[in-house]
Structure formats: C-alpha cells, structure tokens
C-alpha cells in the first residue's frame, strides 16, 4: 500500500513539474518575441 501511495505522489509531482516547465517555456518564448520587437 505504501509503495502505491508513493508512486501516486511521484506521478503527481511529475505532472506538476511538467506544467511548470510548459508555463516557463511560454514565458520565455513571449519574452524572446518581445525582445525581438524592441531590437528591430
């Protein structure tokens, strides 16, 4: 039972991390677009 619980927590943590990475990538892309607009 304990092993299953840990696996669930691990899966949740992975999906949360993936969501954070996606959000960061979006922000970085937006930042790059904004920077390009300022430079050109």
C-alpha atoms as a PDB file:
ATOM      1  CA  UNK A   1       0.000   0.000   0.000  1.00  0.00           C
ATOM      2  CA  UNK A   2       2.766   2.428   0.880  1.00  0.00           C
ATOM      3  CA  UNK A   3       4.511   1.754  -2.441  1.00  0.00           C
ATOM      4  CA  UNK A   4       1.373   2.592  -4.378  1.00  0.00           C
ATOM      5  CA  UNK A   5       0.889   5.826  -2.460  1.00  0.00           C
ATOM      6  CA  UNK A   6       4.458   6.908  -3.157  1.00  0.00           C
ATOM      7  CA  UNK A   7       4.004   6.130  -6.824  1.00  0.00           C
ATOM      8  CA  UNK A   8       0.892   8.292  -6.957  1.00  0.00           C
ATOM      9  CA  UNK A   9       2.661  11.175  -5.264  1.00  0.00           C
ATOM     10  CA  UNK A  10       5.564  10.761  -7.662  1.00  0.00           C
ATOM     11  CA  UNK A  11       3.228  10.860 -10.680  1.00  0.00           C
ATOM     12  CA  UNK A  12       1.523  13.989  -9.358  1.00  0.00           C
ATOM     13  CA  UNK A  13       4.862  15.656  -8.798  1.00  0.00           C
ATOM     14  CA  UNK A  14       5.973  14.821 -12.341  1.00  0.00           C
ATOM     15  CA  UNK A  15       2.799  16.247 -13.887  1.00  0.00           C
ATOM     16  CA  UNK A  16       3.076  19.415 -11.778  1.00  0.00           C
ATOM     17  CA  UNK A  17       6.698  19.837 -12.830  1.00  0.00           C
ATOM     18  CA  UNK A  18       5.710  19.348 -16.469  1.00  0.00           C
ATOM     19  CA  UNK A  19       3.057  22.035 -16.158  1.00  0.00           C
ATOM     20  CA  UNK A  20       5.541  24.442 -14.618  1.00  0.00           C
ATOM     21  CA  UNK A  21       8.040  23.740 -17.398  1.00  0.00           C
ATOM     22  CA  UNK A  22       5.374  24.448 -20.025  1.00  0.00           C
ATOM     23  CA  UNK A  23       4.482  27.733 -18.352  1.00  0.00           C
ATOM     24  CA  UNK A  24       8.151  28.724 -18.163  1.00  0.00           C
ATOM     25  CA  UNK A  25       8.676  27.887 -21.828  1.00  0.00           C
ATOM     26  CA  UNK A  26       5.689  30.034 -22.779  1.00  0.00           C
ATOM     27  CA  UNK A  27       7.033  32.955 -20.776  1.00  0.00           C
ATOM     28  CA  UNK A  28      10.492  32.589 -22.278  1.00  0.00           C
ATOM     29  CA  UNK A  29       9.066  32.494 -25.814  1.00  0.00           C
ATOM     30  CA  UNK A  30       6.959  35.569 -25.115  1.00  0.00           C
ATOM     31  CA  UNK A  31       9.993  37.298 -23.655  1.00  0.00           C
ATOM     32  CA  UNK A  32      12.061  36.489 -26.739  1.00  0.00           C
ATOM     33  CA  UNK A  33       9.344  37.799 -29.058  1.00  0.00           C
ATOM     34  CA  UNK A  34       9.108  40.979 -27.008  1.00  0.00           C
ATOM     35  CA  UNK A  35      12.888  41.429 -27.070  1.00  0.00           C
ATOM     36  CA  UNK A  36      12.997  40.941 -30.847  1.00  0.00           C
ATOM     37  CA  UNK A  37      10.284  43.572 -31.287  1.00  0.00           C
ATOM     38  CA  UNK A  38      12.310  46.074 -29.230  1.00  0.00           C
ATOM     39  CA  UNK A  39      15.557  45.353 -31.102  1.00  0.00           C
ATOM     40  CA  UNK A  40      14.083  45.627 -34.606  1.00  0.00           C
END
